[in-house]
């Protein structure tokens, strides 16, 4: 089976929060059986790795951080 891999890297510890985009979250949901997020941490030391498989909604606590704003032409 084909794997679809996203890699997130940090010089910080294993449980330090990391950013994912709304697109990455949706994609992890759409192709959950194939999706893997490789989390590389302690990058300055000997790097270490863990893998999250499937939908990120099931393995992470996700908090919205950014909003896309567009001017509403009909607003006053």
PDB file of N, CA and C in Angstrom:
ATOM      1  N   UNK A   1       0.842  -1.178   0.000  1.00  0.00           N
ATOM      2  CA  UNK A   1       0.000   0.000   0.000  1.00  0.00           C
ATOM      3  C   UNK A   1       0.894   1.250   0.000  1.00  0.00           C
ATOM      4  N   UNK A   2       0.508   2.230  -0.774  1.00  0.00           N
ATOM      5  CA  UNK A   2       1.218   3.497  -0.824  1.00  0.00           C
ATOM      6  C   UNK A   2       1.045   4.237   0.504  1.00  0.00           C
ATOM      7  N   UNK A   3       2.144   4.850   1.002  1.00  0.00           N
ATOM      8  CA  UNK A   3       2.109   5.661   2.220  1.00  0.00           C
ATOM      9  C   UNK A   3       2.213   7.122   1.827  1.00  0.00           C
ATOM     10  N   UNK A   4       1.456   7.937   2.508  1.00  0.00           N
ATOM     11  CA  UNK A   4       1.510   9.384   2.310  1.00  0.00           C
ATOM     12  C   UNK A   4       2.070   9.969   3.600  1.00  0.00           C
ATOM     13  N   UNK A   5       3.259  10.565   3.511  1.00  0.00           N
ATOM     14  CA  UNK A   5       4.012  10.955   4.697  1.00  0.00           C
ATOM     15  C   UNK A   5       4.171  12.459   4.782  1.00  0.00           C
ATOM     16  N   UNK A   6       3.901  12.998   5.960  1.00  0.00           N
ATOM     17  CA  UNK A   6       4.183  14.391   6.315  1.00  0.00           C
ATOM     18  C   UNK A   6       5.233  14.342   7.417  1.00  0.00           C
ATOM     19  N   UNK A   7       6.249  15.216   7.356  1.00  0.00           N
ATOM     20  CA  UNK A   7       7.304  15.236   8.369  1.00  0.00           C
ATOM     21  C   UNK A   7       7.292  16.581   9.080  1.00  0.00           C
ATOM     22  N   UNK A   8       7.307  16.536  10.406  1.00  0.00           N
ATOM     23  CA  UNK A   8       7.389  17.736  11.242  1.00  0.00           C
ATOM     24  C   UNK A   8       8.623  17.581  12.123  1.00  0.00           C
ATOM     25  N   UNK A   9       9.479  18.615  12.156  1.00  0.00           N
ATOM     26  CA  UNK A   9      10.757  18.536  12.859  1.00  0.00           C
ATOM     27  C   UNK A   9      10.886  19.655  13.876  1.00  0.00           C
ATOM     28  N   UNK A  10      11.497  19.344  15.023  1.00  0.00           N
ATOM     29  CA  UNK A  10      11.768  20.349  16.030  1.00  0.00           C
ATOM     30  C   UNK A  10      13.038  19.999  16.792  1.00  0.00           C
ATOM     31  N   UNK A  11      13.697  21.004  17.309  1.00  0.00           N
ATOM     32  CA  UNK A  11      14.836  20.789  18.187  1.00  0.00           C
ATOM     33  C   UNK A  11      14.391  20.599  19.622  1.00  0.00           C
ATOM     34  N   UNK A  12      13.097  20.694  19.861  1.00  0.00           N
ATOM     35  CA  UNK A  12      12.561  20.601  21.211  1.00  0.00           C
ATOM     36  C   UNK A  12      12.131  19.183  21.535  1.00  0.00           C
ATOM     37  N   UNK A  13      11.515  19.023  22.661  1.00  0.00           N
ATOM     38  CA  UNK A  13      11.169  17.695  23.188  1.00  0.00           C
ATOM     39  C   UNK A  13       9.979  17.057  22.489  1.00  0.00           C
ATOM     40  N   UNK A  14       9.769  15.797  22.810  1.00  0.00           N
ATOM     41  CA  UNK A  14       8.761  14.959  22.154  1.00  0.00           C
ATOM     42  C   UNK A  14       7.355  15.546  22.216  1.00  0.00           C
ATOM     43  N   UNK A  15       6.949  16.036  23.365  1.00  0.00           N
ATOM     44  CA  UNK A  15       5.561  16.462  23.529  1.00  0.00           C
ATOM     45  C   UNK A  15       5.352  17.956  23.302  1.00  0.00           C
ATOM     46  N   UNK A  16       6.359  18.645  22.757  1.00  0.00           N
ATOM     47  CA  UNK A  16       6.196  20.068  22.445  1.00  0.00           C
ATOM     48  C   UNK A  16       5.188  20.204  21.305  1.00  0.00           C
ATOM     49  N   UNK A  17       4.195  21.090  21.447  1.00  0.00           N
ATOM     50  CA  UNK A  17       3.190  21.252  20.382  1.00  0.00           C
ATOM     51  C   UNK A  17       3.830  21.644  19.051  1.00  0.00           C
ATOM     52  N   UNK A  18       3.170  21.263  17.972  1.00  0.00           N
ATOM     53  CA  UNK A  18       3.670  21.582  16.637  1.00  0.00           C
ATOM     54  C   UNK A  18       2.500  22.019  15.757  1.00  0.00           C
ATOM     55  N   UNK A  19       2.833  22.746  14.708  1.00  0.00           N
ATOM     56  CA  UNK A  19       1.815  23.267  13.798  1.00  0.00           C
ATOM     57  C   UNK A  19       1.495  22.273  12.693  1.00  0.00           C
ATOM     58  N   UNK A  20       0.224  22.155  12.406  1.00  0.00           N
ATOM     59  CA  UNK A  20      -0.245  21.445  11.221  1.00  0.00           C
ATOM     60  C   UNK A  20      -1.258  22.356  10.543  1.00  0.00           C
ATOM     61  N   UNK A  21      -1.347  22.262   9.250  1.00  0.00           N
ATOM     62  CA  UNK A  21      -2.304  23.097   8.524  1.00  0.00           C
ATOM     63  C   UNK A  21      -3.669  22.418   8.486  1.00  0.00           C
ATOM     64  N   UNK A  22      -4.696  23.213   8.210  1.00  0.00           N
ATOM     65  CA  UNK A  22      -6.040  22.660   8.049  1.00  0.00           C
ATOM     66  C   UNK A  22      -6.046  21.651   6.905  1.00  0.00           C
ATOM     67  N   UNK A  23      -5.280  21.901   5.870  1.00  0.00           N
ATOM     68  CA  UNK A  23      -5.191  20.982   4.737  1.00  0.00           C
ATOM     69  C   UNK A  23      -4.592  19.645   5.167  1.00  0.00           C
ATOM     70  N   UNK A  24      -3.544  19.677   5.973  1.00  0.00           N
ATOM     71  CA  UNK A  24      -2.931  18.439   6.463  1.00  0.00           C
ATOM     72  C   UNK A  24      -3.913  17.637   7.318  1.00  0.00           C
ATOM     73  N   UNK A  25      -4.666  18.329   8.155  1.00  0.00           N
ATOM     74  CA  UNK A  25      -5.652  17.648   9.005  1.00  0.00           C
ATOM     75  C   UNK A  25      -6.735  17.009   8.140  1.00  0.00           C
ATOM     76  N   UNK A  26      -7.272  17.759   7.184  1.00  0.00           N
ATOM     77  CA  UNK A  26      -8.304  17.202   6.287  1.00  0.00           C
ATOM     78  C   UNK A  26      -7.766  16.018   5.500  1.00  0.00           C
ATOM     79  N   UNK A  27      -6.550  16.147   5.020  1.00  0.00           N
ATOM     80  CA  UNK A  27      -5.932  15.079   4.234  1.00  0.00           C
ATOM     81  C   UNK A  27      -5.761  13.824   5.090  1.00  0.00           C
ATOM     82  N   UNK A  28      -5.337  14.001   6.334  1.00  0.00           N
ATOM     83  CA  UNK A  28      -5.167  12.849   7.229  1.00  0.00           C
ATOM     84  C   UNK A  28      -6.494  12.132   7.461  1.00  0.00           C
ATOM     85  N   UNK A  29      -7.573  12.887   7.408  1.00  0.00           N
ATOM     86  CA  UNK A  29      -8.910  12.311   7.567  1.00  0.00           C
ATOM     87  C   UNK A  29      -9.354  11.602   6.283  1.00  0.00           C
ATOM     88  N   UNK A  30      -9.085  12.221   5.148  1.00  0.00           N
ATOM     89  CA  UNK A  30      -9.524  11.676   3.855  1.00  0.00           C
ATOM     90  C   UNK A  30      -8.809  10.385   3.470  1.00  0.00           C
ATOM     91  N   UNK A  31      -7.525  10.279   3.825  1.00  0.00           N
ATOM     92  CA  UNK A  31      -6.730   9.103   3.449  1.00  0.00           C
ATOM     93  C   UNK A  31      -6.103   8.471   4.699  1.00  0.00           C
ATOM     94  N   UNK A  32      -6.907   8.313   5.730  1.00  0.00           N
ATOM     95  CA  UNK A  32      -6.414   7.888   7.041  1.00  0.00           C
ATOM     96  C   UNK A  32      -5.588   6.601   6.990  1.00  0.00           C
ATOM     97  N   UNK A  33      -5.990   5.646   6.181  1.00  0.00           N
ATOM     98  CA  UNK A  33      -5.251   4.371   6.136  1.00  0.00           C
ATOM     99  C   UNK A  33      -3.843   4.527   5.578  1.00  0.00           C
ATOM    100  N   UNK A  34      -3.636   5.519   4.744  1.00  0.00           N
ATOM    101  CA  UNK A  34      -2.332   5.724   4.113  1.00  0.00           C
ATOM    102  C   UNK A  34      -1.495   6.801   4.812  1.00  0.00           C
ATOM    103  N   UNK A  35      -2.130   7.685   5.564  1.00  0.00           N
ATOM    104  CA  UNK A  35      -1.460   8.874   6.109  1.00  0.00           C
ATOM    105  C   UNK A  35      -0.583   8.536   7.312  1.00  0.00           C
ATOM    106  N   UNK A  36       0.638   9.072   7.292  1.00  0.00           N
ATOM    107  CA  UNK A  36       1.562   8.968   8.419  1.00  0.00           C
ATOM    108  C   UNK A  36       2.186  10.336   8.646  1.00  0.00           C
ATOM    109  N   UNK A  37       2.240  10.767   9.897  1.00  0.00           N
ATOM    110  CA  UNK A  37       2.957  11.979  10.258  1.00  0.00           C
ATOM    111  C   UNK A  37       4.197  11.541  11.035  1.00  0.00           C
ATOM    112  N   UNK A  38       5.369  11.835  10.479  1.00  0.00           N
ATOM    113  CA  UNK A  38       6.635  11.509  11.131  1.00  0.00           C
ATOM    114  C   UNK A  38       7.067  12.743  11.924  1.00  0.00           C
ATOM    115  N   UNK A  39       7.191  12.580  13.216  1.00  0.00           N
ATOM    116  CA  UNK A  39       7.566  13.683  14.103  1.00  0.00           C
ATOM    117  C   UNK A  39       9.003  13.458  14.563  1.00  0.00           C
ATOM    118  N   UNK A  40       9.917  14.273  14.026  1.00  0.00           N
ATOM    119  CA  UNK A  40      11.326  14.209  14.403  1.00  0.00           C
ATOM    120  C   UNK A  40      11.544  15.265  15.472  1.00  0.00           C
ATOM    121  N   UNK A  41      12.118  14.853  16.625  1.00  0.00           N
ATOM    122  CA  UNK A  41      12.319  15.799  17.721  1.00  0.00           C
ATOM    123  C   UNK A  41      13.725  15.631  18.298  1.00  0.00           C
ATOM    124  N   UNK A  42      14.082  16.545  19.224  1.00  0.00           N
ATOM    125  CA  UNK A  42      15.453  16.600  19.759  1.00  0.00           C
ATOM    126  C   UNK A  42      16.454  16.640  18.609  1.00  0.00           C
ATOM    127  N   UNK A  43      16.162  17.443  17.607  1.00  0.00           N
ATOM    128  CA  UNK A  43      16.939  17.435  16.369  1.00  0.00           C
ATOM    129  C   UNK A  43      18.399  17.821  16.571  1.00  0.00           C
ATOM    130  N   UNK A  44      18.702  18.674  17.563  1.00  0.00           N
ATOM    131  CA  UNK A  44      20.085  19.093  17.809  1.00  0.00           C
ATOM    132  C   UNK A  44      20.900  17.978  18.468  1.00  0.00           C
ATOM    133  N   UNK A  45      20.238  17.132  19.228  1.00  0.00           N
ATOM    134  CA  UNK A  45      20.882  15.959  19.823  1.00  0.00           C
ATOM    135  C   UNK A  45      20.787  14.836  18.796  1.00  0.00           C
ATOM    136  N   UNK A  46      21.076  13.608  19.197  1.00  0.00           N
ATOM    137  CA  UNK A  46      20.751  12.551  18.239  1.00  0.00           C
ATOM    138  C   UNK A  46      19.240  12.584  17.988  1.00  0.00           C
ATOM    139  N   UNK A  47      18.803  12.905  16.779  1.00  0.00           N
ATOM    140  CA  UNK A  47      17.371  13.031  16.509  1.00  0.00           C
ATOM    141  C   UNK A  47      16.610  11.755  16.856  1.00  0.00           C
ATOM    142  N   UNK A  48      15.386  11.957  17.299  1.00  0.00           N
ATOM    143  CA  UNK A  48      14.510  10.829  17.605  1.00  0.00           C
ATOM    144  C   UNK A  48      13.221  11.011  16.818  1.00  0.00           C
ATOM    145  N   UNK A  49      12.444   9.958  16.744  1.00  0.00           N
ATOM    146  CA  UNK A  49      11.286   9.951  15.858  1.00  0.00           C
ATOM    147  C   UNK A  49      10.149   9.151  16.467  1.00  0.00           C
ATOM    148  N   UNK A  50       8.930   9.646  16.227  1.00  0.00           N
ATOM    149  CA  UNK A  50       7.750   8.812  16.430  1.00  0.00           C
ATOM    150  C   UNK A  50       6.814   9.045  15.257  1.00  0.00           C
ATOM    151  N   UNK A  51       5.884   8.130  15.068  1.00  0.00           N
ATOM    152  CA  UNK A  51       4.987   8.188  13.918  1.00  0.00           C
ATOM    153  C   UNK A  51       3.546   8.172  14.408  1.00  0.00           C
ATOM    154  N   UNK A  52       2.756   9.095  13.881  1.00  0.00           N
ATOM    155  CA  UNK A  52       1.312   9.099  14.112  1.00  0.00           C
ATOM    156  C   UNK A  52       0.658   8.557  12.849  1.00  0.00           C
ATOM    157  N   UNK A  53      -0.163   7.548  13.006  1.00  0.00           N
ATOM    158  CA  UNK A  53      -0.822   6.929  11.859  1.00  0.00           C
ATOM    159  C   UNK A  53      -2.285   7.306  11.828  1.00  0.00           C
ATOM    160  N   UNK A  54      -2.789   7.567  10.626  1.00  0.00           N
ATOM    161  CA  UNK A  54      -4.214   7.821  10.460  1.00  0.00           C
ATOM    162  C   UNK A  54      -4.609   9.257  10.705  1.00  0.00           C
ATOM    163  N   UNK A  55      -5.885   9.438  10.988  1.00  0.00           N
ATOM    164  CA  UNK A  55      -6.489  10.758  11.149  1.00  0.00           C
ATOM    165  C   UNK A  55      -5.920  11.488  12.363  1.00  0.00           C
ATOM    166  N   UNK A  56      -5.454  12.711  12.160  1.00  0.00           N
ATOM    167  CA  UNK A  56      -4.875  13.496  13.256  1.00  0.00           C
ATOM    168  C   UNK A  56      -5.901  13.843  14.327  1.00  0.00           C
ATOM    169  N   UNK A  57      -7.194  13.878  13.964  1.00  0.00           N
ATOM    170  CA  UNK A  57      -8.236  14.110  14.967  1.00  0.00           C
ATOM    171  C   UNK A  57      -8.230  13.012  16.031  1.00  0.00           C
ATOM    172  N   UNK A  58      -7.786  11.826  15.677  1.00  0.00           N
ATOM    173  CA  UNK A  58      -7.809  10.696  16.601  1.00  0.00           C
ATOM    174  C   UNK A  58      -6.559  10.595  17.466  1.00  0.00           C
ATOM    175  N   UNK A  59      -5.449  11.193  17.050  1.00  0.00           N
ATOM    176  CA  UNK A  59      -4.203  11.056  17.796  1.00  0.00           C
ATOM    177  C   UNK A  59      -3.707  12.349  18.432  1.00  0.00           C
ATOM    178  N   UNK A  60      -4.341  13.482  18.112  1.00  0.00           N
ATOM    179  CA  UNK A  60      -3.870  14.775  18.612  1.00  0.00           C
ATOM    180  C   UNK A  60      -5.031  15.609  19.158  1.00  0.00           C
ATOM    181  N   UNK A  61      -4.699  16.470  20.081  1.00  0.00           N
ATOM    182  CA  UNK A  61      -5.646  17.509  20.498  1.00  0.00           C
ATOM    183  C   UNK A  61      -5.370  18.704  19.587  1.00  0.00           C
ATOM    184  N   UNK A  62      -6.308  19.030  18.728  1.00  0.00           N
ATOM    185  CA  UNK A  62      -6.120  20.085  17.735  1.00  0.00           C
ATOM    186  C   UNK A  62      -6.807  21.361  18.199  1.00  0.00           C
ATOM    187  N   UNK A  63      -6.079  22.471  18.130  1.00  0.00           N
ATOM    188  CA  UNK A  63      -6.612  23.767  18.508  1.00  0.00           C
ATOM    189  C   UNK A  63      -6.491  24.721  17.328  1.00  0.00           C
ATOM    190  N   UNK A  64      -7.604  25.360  16.931  1.00  0.00           N
ATOM    191  CA  UNK A  64      -7.511  26.320  15.818  1.00  0.00           C
ATOM    192  C   UNK A  64      -6.620  27.495  16.210  1.00  0.00           C
ATOM    193  N   UNK A  65      -5.727  27.866  15.302  1.00  0.00           N
ATOM    194  CA  UNK A  65      -4.774  28.932  15.606  1.00  0.00           C
ATOM    195  C   UNK A  65      -4.882  30.120  14.656  1.00  0.00           C
ATOM    196  N   UNK A  66      -5.349  29.896  13.445  1.00  0.00           N
ATOM    197  CA  UNK A  66      -5.368  30.948  12.440  1.00  0.00           C
ATOM    198  C   UNK A  66      -6.716  30.961  11.732  1.00  0.00           C
ATOM    199  N   UNK A  67      -7.094  32.124  11.295  1.00  0.00           N
ATOM    200  CA  UNK A  67      -8.306  32.266  10.502  1.00  0.00           C
ATOM    201  C   UNK A  67      -7.977  33.018   9.225  1.00  0.00           C
ATOM    202  N   UNK A  68      -8.638  32.671   8.156  1.00  0.00           N
ATOM    203  CA  UNK A  68      -8.508  33.398   6.909  1.00  0.00           C
ATOM    204  C   UNK A  68      -9.591  34.464   6.907  1.00  0.00           C
ATOM    205  N   UNK A  69      -9.216  35.707   6.734  1.00  0.00           N
ATOM    206  CA  UNK A  69     -10.177  36.806   6.729  1.00  0.00           C
ATOM    207  C   UNK A  69     -10.242  37.416   5.340  1.00  0.00           C
ATOM    208  N   UNK A  70     -11.446  37.667   4.887  1.00  0.00           N
ATOM    209  CA  UNK A  70     -11.657  38.362   3.609  1.00  0.00           C
ATOM    210  C   UNK A  70     -12.695  39.448   3.850  1.00  0.00           C
ATOM    211  N   UNK A  71     -12.514  40.553   3.210  1.00  0.00           N
ATOM    212  CA  UNK A  71     -13.435  41.660   3.367  1.00  0.00           C
ATOM    213  C   UNK A  71     -14.779  41.272   2.781  1.00  0.00           C
ATOM    214  N   UNK A  72     -15.830  41.448   3.563  1.00  0.00           N
ATOM    215  CA  UNK A  72     -17.182  41.181   3.108  1.00  0.00           C
ATOM    216  C   UNK A  72     -17.674  42.426   2.368  1.00  0.00           C
ATOM    217  N   UNK A  73     -17.758  42.346   1.075  1.00  0.00           N
ATOM    218  CA  UNK A  73     -18.121  43.487   0.239  1.00  0.00           C
ATOM    219  C   UNK A  73     -19.494  44.048   0.612  1.00  0.00           C
ATOM    220  N   UNK A  74     -20.403  43.181   1.065  1.00  0.00           N
ATOM    221  CA  UNK A  74     -21.734  43.623   1.427  1.00  0.00           C
ATOM    222  C   UNK A  74     -21.832  44.255   2.808  1.00  0.00           C
ATOM    223  N   UNK A  75     -20.762  44.185   3.624  1.00  0.00           N
ATOM    224  CA  UNK A  75     -20.798  44.727   4.988  1.00  0.00           C
ATOM    225  C   UNK A  75     -20.572  46.231   4.954  1.00  0.00           C
ATOM    226  N   UNK A  76     -21.082  46.922   5.949  1.00  0.00           N
ATOM    227  CA  UNK A  76     -20.879  48.385   6.035  1.00  0.00           C
ATOM    228  C   UNK A  76     -19.688  48.714   6.871  1.00  0.00           C
TER     229      UNK A  76
END
